[in-house]
């Protein structure tokens, strides 16, 4: 993952975390940038941002500061909440189901606001679909968005000159590659 892409995903994570503070279900307590092709259902509550893909921006063929093609990063936000079911695995009461629905829709609104507000100025963020599903006692909402990113000057940049990702976004405690 490019350093600029990680910094973008981390900024979205931070904005999502801040927006979830204002939802009826509240902040999930855990917010992360997650690697890989899925965010497993670790438990609830949690929020995550995942880089789905990075691809050249062939829609406009715009160039970045070095004349290289800009790229589009597709980011996925995930919010997991606990889904309450009765001990006998019967249908939850209508009040509980309605509460879950309200929480999910409220989280969807927070995700949309986070995606639209985590960057200032152009380029804008394009929102994708929001989806919701229940599995294993977890109510999950996901929202994708695409953002345009300038990945830099290409082959003219020596690896020693690349911005170090850890200098841009400090590693979390417990990172095995962290020097601190």
C-alpha atoms as a PDB file:
ATOM      1  CA  UNK A   1       0.000   0.000   0.000  1.00  0.00           C
ATOM      2  CA  UNK A   2       1.426   3.378  -0.956  1.00  0.00           C
ATOM      3  CA  UNK A   3       2.221   5.795   1.864  1.00  0.00           C
ATOM      4  CA  UNK A   4      -0.219   8.369   0.484  1.00  0.00           C
ATOM      5  CA  UNK A   5      -2.965   5.760   0.293  1.00  0.00           C
ATOM      6  CA  UNK A   6      -2.368   4.675   3.893  1.00  0.00           C
ATOM      7  CA  UNK A   7      -2.419   8.287   5.094  1.00  0.00           C
ATOM      8  CA  UNK A   8      -5.710   8.764   3.227  1.00  0.00           C
ATOM      9  CA  UNK A   9      -7.208   5.604   4.748  1.00  0.00           C
ATOM     10  CA  UNK A  10      -6.034   6.671   8.218  1.00  0.00           C
ATOM     11  CA  UNK A  11      -7.616  10.108   7.763  1.00  0.00           C
ATOM     12  CA  UNK A  12     -10.913   8.466   6.777  1.00  0.00           C
ATOM     13  CA  UNK A  13     -10.673   6.155   9.797  1.00  0.00           C
ATOM     14  CA  UNK A  14     -10.191   9.165  12.084  1.00  0.00           C
ATOM     15  CA  UNK A  15     -13.130  11.041  10.548  1.00  0.00           C
ATOM     16  CA  UNK A  16     -15.357   7.951  10.719  1.00  0.00           C
ATOM     17  CA  UNK A  17     -14.413   7.499  14.361  1.00  0.00           C
ATOM     18  CA  UNK A  18     -15.305  11.121  15.105  1.00  0.00           C
ATOM     19  CA  UNK A  19     -18.648  10.915  13.272  1.00  0.00           C
ATOM     20  CA  UNK A  20     -19.642   7.686  15.052  1.00  0.00           C
ATOM     21  CA  UNK A  21     -19.358   9.583  18.363  1.00  0.00           C
ATOM     22  CA  UNK A  22     -22.565  11.369  17.344  1.00  0.00           C
ATOM     23  CA  UNK A  23     -24.631   8.278  16.457  1.00  0.00           C
ATOM     24  CA  UNK A  24     -27.323   6.759  18.634  1.00  0.00           C
ATOM     25  CA  UNK A  25     -25.183   3.627  19.153  1.00  0.00           C
ATOM     26  CA  UNK A  26     -22.095   5.733  19.900  1.00  0.00           C
ATOM     27  CA  UNK A  27     -18.425   5.228  19.219  1.00  0.00           C
ATOM     28  CA  UNK A  28     -17.485   1.583  18.668  1.00  0.00           C
ATOM     29  CA  UNK A  29     -14.353   1.769  20.824  1.00  0.00           C
ATOM     30  CA  UNK A  30     -12.076   0.220  18.175  1.00  0.00           C
ATOM     31  CA  UNK A  31     -11.242   1.974  14.907  1.00  0.00           C
ATOM     32  CA  UNK A  32      -8.570   0.662  12.541  1.00  0.00           C
ATOM     33  CA  UNK A  33      -7.145   0.581   9.056  1.00  0.00           C
ATOM     34  CA  UNK A  34      -7.455  -3.090   8.132  1.00  0.00           C
ATOM     35  CA  UNK A  35      -5.391  -5.026   5.559  1.00  0.00           C
ATOM     36  CA  UNK A  36      -6.650  -7.664   3.179  1.00  0.00           C
ATOM     37  CA  UNK A  37      -9.660  -8.450   1.062  1.00  0.00           C
ATOM     38  CA  UNK A  38     -12.181  -8.525   3.949  1.00  0.00           C
ATOM     39  CA  UNK A  39     -12.596  -7.307   7.487  1.00  0.00           C
ATOM     40  CA  UNK A  40     -13.444 -10.451   9.470  1.00  0.00           C
ATOM     41  CA  UNK A  41     -16.270 -10.268  11.972  1.00  0.00           C
ATOM     42  CA  UNK A  42     -13.934 -10.111  14.964  1.00  0.00           C
ATOM     43  CA  UNK A  43     -16.677  -9.046  17.316  1.00  0.00           C
ATOM     44  CA  UNK A  44     -18.523  -5.888  18.078  1.00  0.00           C
ATOM     45  CA  UNK A  45     -18.501  -3.024  18.217  1.00  0.00           C
ATOM     46  CA  UNK A  46     -15.754  -1.925  15.842  1.00  0.00           C
ATOM     47  CA  UNK A  47     -15.095   0.356  12.882  1.00  0.00           C
ATOM     48  CA  UNK A  48     -12.571  -0.199  10.107  1.00  0.00           C
ATOM     49  CA  UNK A  49     -11.376   1.300   6.846  1.00  0.00           C
ATOM     50  CA  UNK A  50      -9.956  -1.045   4.222  1.00  0.00           C
ATOM     51  CA  UNK A  51      -8.173  -0.255   0.952  1.00  0.00           C
ATOM     52  CA  UNK A  52     -10.100  -2.265  -1.647  1.00  0.00           C
ATOM     53  CA  UNK A  53      -7.945  -1.352  -4.658  1.00  0.00           C
ATOM     54  CA  UNK A  54      -5.730   1.275  -6.240  1.00  0.00           C
ATOM     55  CA  UNK A  55      -6.016   1.839  -9.974  1.00  0.00           C
ATOM     56  CA  UNK A  56      -4.976   4.495 -12.537  1.00  0.00           C
ATOM     57  CA  UNK A  57      -7.590   7.193 -13.055  1.00  0.00           C
ATOM     58  CA  UNK A  58      -8.462   6.464 -16.674  1.00  0.00           C
ATOM     59  CA  UNK A  59     -11.732   8.405 -16.443  1.00  0.00           C
ATOM     60  CA  UNK A  60     -10.015  11.739 -16.899  1.00  0.00           C
ATOM     61  CA  UNK A  61      -6.352  10.942 -17.616  1.00  0.00           C
ATOM     62  CA  UNK A  62      -5.430  13.861 -15.400  1.00  0.00           C
ATOM     63  CA  UNK A  63      -1.830  14.144 -14.313  1.00  0.00           C
ATOM     64  CA  UNK A  64      -0.340  14.717 -10.908  1.00  0.00           C
ATOM     65  CA  UNK A  65       2.454  17.124 -10.026  1.00  0.00           C
ATOM     66  CA  UNK A  66       5.117  15.034 -11.821  1.00  0.00           C
ATOM     67  CA  UNK A  67       3.054  14.404 -14.915  1.00  0.00           C
ATOM     68  CA  UNK A  68       2.159  10.878 -13.841  1.00  0.00           C
ATOM     69  CA  UNK A  69      -1.405   9.636 -14.068  1.00  0.00           C
ATOM     70  CA  UNK A  70      -3.435  10.159 -10.942  1.00  0.00           C
ATOM     71  CA  UNK A  71      -4.823   7.067  -9.235  1.00  0.00           C
ATOM     72  CA  UNK A  72      -8.131   6.195  -7.653  1.00  0.00           C
ATOM     73  CA  UNK A  73      -8.241   4.376  -4.337  1.00  0.00           C
ATOM     74  CA  UNK A  74     -11.436   2.581  -3.411  1.00  0.00           C
ATOM     75  CA  UNK A  75     -11.888   2.582   0.348  1.00  0.00           C
ATOM     76  CA  UNK A  76     -14.419   0.540   2.299  1.00  0.00           C
ATOM     77  CA  UNK A  77     -15.742   1.614   5.676  1.00  0.00           C
ATOM     78  CA  UNK A  78     -17.082  -1.095   7.986  1.00  0.00           C
ATOM     79  CA  UNK A  79     -19.088  -0.603  11.178  1.00  0.00           C
ATOM     80  CA  UNK A  80     -19.997  -3.654  13.248  1.00  0.00           C
ATOM     81  CA  UNK A  81     -22.568  -3.504  16.041  1.00  0.00           C
ATOM     82  CA  UNK A  82     -23.798  -6.320  18.252  1.00  0.00           C
ATOM     83  CA  UNK A  83     -27.079  -7.799  17.056  1.00  0.00           C
ATOM     84  CA  UNK A  84     -29.269  -8.845  19.973  1.00  0.00           C
ATOM     85  CA  UNK A  85     -31.240 -12.057  19.802  1.00  0.00           C
ATOM     86  CA  UNK A  86     -33.204 -13.744  22.598  1.00  0.00           C
ATOM     87  CA  UNK A  87     -31.544 -16.641  24.447  1.00  0.00           C
ATOM     88  CA  UNK A  88     -33.902 -19.147  22.803  1.00  0.00           C
ATOM     89  CA  UNK A  89     -32.835 -17.839  19.350  1.00  0.00           C
ATOM     90  CA  UNK A  90     -36.381 -16.639  18.706  1.00  0.00           C
ATOM     91  CA  UNK A  91     -37.209 -13.500  16.773  1.00  0.00           C
ATOM     92  CA  UNK A  92     -36.194 -10.322  18.639  1.00  0.00           C
ATOM     93  CA  UNK A  93     -38.996  -8.032  19.741  1.00  0.00           C
ATOM     94  CA  UNK A  94     -40.165  -5.380  17.296  1.00  0.00           C
ATOM     95  CA  UNK A  95     -38.642  -2.737  19.547  1.00  0.00           C
ATOM     96  CA  UNK A  96     -35.212  -4.411  19.378  1.00  0.00           C
ATOM     97  CA  UNK A  97     -35.430  -4.879  15.591  1.00  0.00           C
ATOM     98  CA  UNK A  98     -36.460  -1.254  15.141  1.00  0.00           C
ATOM     99  CA  UNK A  99     -33.561  -0.149  17.340  1.00  0.00           C
ATOM    100  CA  UNK A 100     -31.099  -2.169  15.250  1.00  0.00           C
ATOM    101  CA  UNK A 101     -32.522  -0.651  12.051  1.00  0.00           C
ATOM    102  CA  UNK A 102     -32.224   2.867  13.465  1.00  0.00           C
ATOM    103  CA  UNK A 103     -28.630   2.220  14.579  1.00  0.00           C
ATOM    104  CA  UNK A 104     -27.680   0.888  11.139  1.00  0.00           C
ATOM    105  CA  UNK A 105     -29.225   3.834   9.275  1.00  0.00           C
ATOM    106  CA  UNK A 106     -27.629   6.278  11.711  1.00  0.00           C
ATOM    107  CA  UNK A 107     -24.239   4.613  11.172  1.00  0.00           C
ATOM    108  CA  UNK A 108     -24.781   4.858   7.395  1.00  0.00           C
ATOM    109  CA  UNK A 109     -25.314   8.610   7.745  1.00  0.00           C
ATOM    110  CA  UNK A 110     -22.128   8.933   9.819  1.00  0.00           C
ATOM    111  CA  UNK A 111     -20.221   6.984   7.168  1.00  0.00           C
ATOM    112  CA  UNK A 112     -21.488   9.264   4.387  1.00  0.00           C
ATOM    113  CA  UNK A 113     -20.552  12.391   6.342  1.00  0.00           C
ATOM    114  CA  UNK A 114     -17.098  10.973   7.154  1.00  0.00           C
ATOM    115  CA  UNK A 115     -16.455  10.166   3.480  1.00  0.00           C
ATOM    116  CA  UNK A 116     -17.530  13.635   2.389  1.00  0.00           C
ATOM    117  CA  UNK A 117     -15.666  15.539   5.119  1.00  0.00           C
ATOM    118  CA  UNK A 118     -12.354  13.761   5.712  1.00  0.00           C
ATOM    119  CA  UNK A 119     -10.582  15.660   2.921  1.00  0.00           C
ATOM    120  CA  UNK A 120     -10.650  19.388   2.313  1.00  0.00           C
ATOM    121  CA  UNK A 121     -10.604  20.816  -1.175  1.00  0.00           C
ATOM    122  CA  UNK A 122     -10.428  18.918  -4.453  1.00  0.00           C
ATOM    123  CA  UNK A 123     -10.499  16.179  -5.424  1.00  0.00           C
ATOM    124  CA  UNK A 124     -13.865  15.219  -4.126  1.00  0.00           C
ATOM    125  CA  UNK A 125     -14.902  11.817  -2.851  1.00  0.00           C
ATOM    126  CA  UNK A 126     -17.358   9.701  -4.814  1.00  0.00           C
ATOM    127  CA  UNK A 127     -19.670   7.646  -2.620  1.00  0.00           C
ATOM    128  CA  UNK A 128     -20.536   4.072  -3.497  1.00  0.00           C
ATOM    129  CA  UNK A 129     -23.268   1.843  -2.123  1.00  0.00           C
ATOM    130  CA  UNK A 130     -24.037   1.279   1.542  1.00  0.00           C
ATOM    131  CA  UNK A 131     -25.032  -2.261   2.481  1.00  0.00           C
ATOM    132  CA  UNK A 132     -26.097  -3.952   5.673  1.00  0.00           C
ATOM    133  CA  UNK A 133     -26.155  -7.574   6.787  1.00  0.00           C
ATOM    134  CA  UNK A 134     -26.477  -9.653   9.930  1.00  0.00           C
ATOM    135  CA  UNK A 135     -24.299 -12.688  10.665  1.00  0.00           C
ATOM    136  CA  UNK A 136     -23.087 -14.363  13.831  1.00  0.00           C
ATOM    137  CA  UNK A 137     -24.639 -11.839  16.203  1.00  0.00           C
ATOM    138  CA  UNK A 138     -23.132  -8.880  14.337  1.00  0.00           C
ATOM    139  CA  UNK A 139     -24.984  -6.210  12.380  1.00  0.00           C
ATOM    140  CA  UNK A 140     -22.521  -4.928   9.770  1.00  0.00           C
ATOM    141  CA  UNK A 141     -22.807  -1.825   7.631  1.00  0.00           C
ATOM    142  CA  UNK A 142     -20.363  -1.130   4.805  1.00  0.00           C
ATOM    143  CA  UNK A 143     -19.921   1.889   2.565  1.00  0.00           C
ATOM    144  CA  UNK A 144     -17.389   2.263  -0.232  1.00  0.00           C
ATOM    145  CA  UNK A 145     -15.995   5.482  -1.605  1.00  0.00           C
ATOM    146  CA  UNK A 146     -13.399   6.371  -4.199  1.00  0.00           C
ATOM    147  CA  UNK A 147     -10.819   9.108  -3.859  1.00  0.00           C
ATOM    148  CA  UNK A 148      -8.266  10.460  -6.327  1.00  0.00           C
ATOM    149  CA  UNK A 149      -4.665  10.240  -5.161  1.00  0.00           C
ATOM    150  CA  UNK A 150      -1.381  11.469  -6.630  1.00  0.00           C
ATOM    151  CA  UNK A 151       1.096   8.650  -5.996  1.00  0.00           C
ATOM    152  CA  UNK A 152       4.137  10.722  -6.871  1.00  0.00           C
ATOM    153  CA  UNK A 153       6.865  10.863  -9.462  1.00  0.00           C
ATOM    154  CA  UNK A 154       7.221   7.234 -10.491  1.00  0.00           C
ATOM    155  CA  UNK A 155      10.552   5.764 -11.575  1.00  0.00           C
ATOM    156  CA  UNK A 156      12.416   9.051 -11.160  1.00  0.00           C
ATOM    157  CA  UNK A 157      12.103   8.709  -7.394  1.00  0.00           C
ATOM    158  CA  UNK A 158      14.723   6.655  -5.583  1.00  0.00           C
ATOM    159  CA  UNK A 159      13.445   4.467  -2.718  1.00  0.00           C
ATOM    160  CA  UNK A 160      15.640   6.427  -0.279  1.00  0.00           C
ATOM    161  CA  UNK A 161      13.738   9.593  -1.218  1.00  0.00           C
ATOM    162  CA  UNK A 162      10.237   8.154  -0.693  1.00  0.00           C
ATOM    163  CA  UNK A 163       8.433   9.607   2.282  1.00  0.00           C
ATOM    164  CA  UNK A 164       8.590   7.004   5.028  1.00  0.00           C
ATOM    165  CA  UNK A 165       5.065   5.898   5.891  1.00  0.00           C
ATOM    166  CA  UNK A 166       5.904   5.792   9.612  1.00  0.00           C
ATOM    167  CA  UNK A 167       7.012   9.441   9.453  1.00  0.00           C
ATOM    168  CA  UNK A 168       3.660  10.425   7.931  1.00  0.00           C
ATOM    169  CA  UNK A 169       1.441   8.313  10.187  1.00  0.00           C
ATOM    170  CA  UNK A 170       3.087   7.020  13.381  1.00  0.00           C
ATOM    171  CA  UNK A 171       2.760   3.250  13.952  1.00  0.00           C
ATOM    172  CA  UNK A 172       0.445   1.980  16.655  1.00  0.00           C
ATOM    173  CA  UNK A 173       1.846   0.465  19.856  1.00  0.00           C
ATOM    174  CA  UNK A 174       2.764  -3.171  19.270  1.00  0.00           C
ATOM    175  CA  UNK A 175       3.842  -2.696  15.636  1.00  0.00           C
ATOM    176  CA  UNK A 176       6.677  -5.243  15.214  1.00  0.00           C
ATOM    177  CA  UNK A 177       8.442  -3.001  12.683  1.00  0.00           C
ATOM    178  CA  UNK A 178       8.351   0.111  14.855  1.00  0.00           C
ATOM    179  CA  UNK A 179      11.612   1.334  16.326  1.00  0.00           C
ATOM    180  CA  UNK A 180       9.896   2.999  19.254  1.00  0.00           C
END
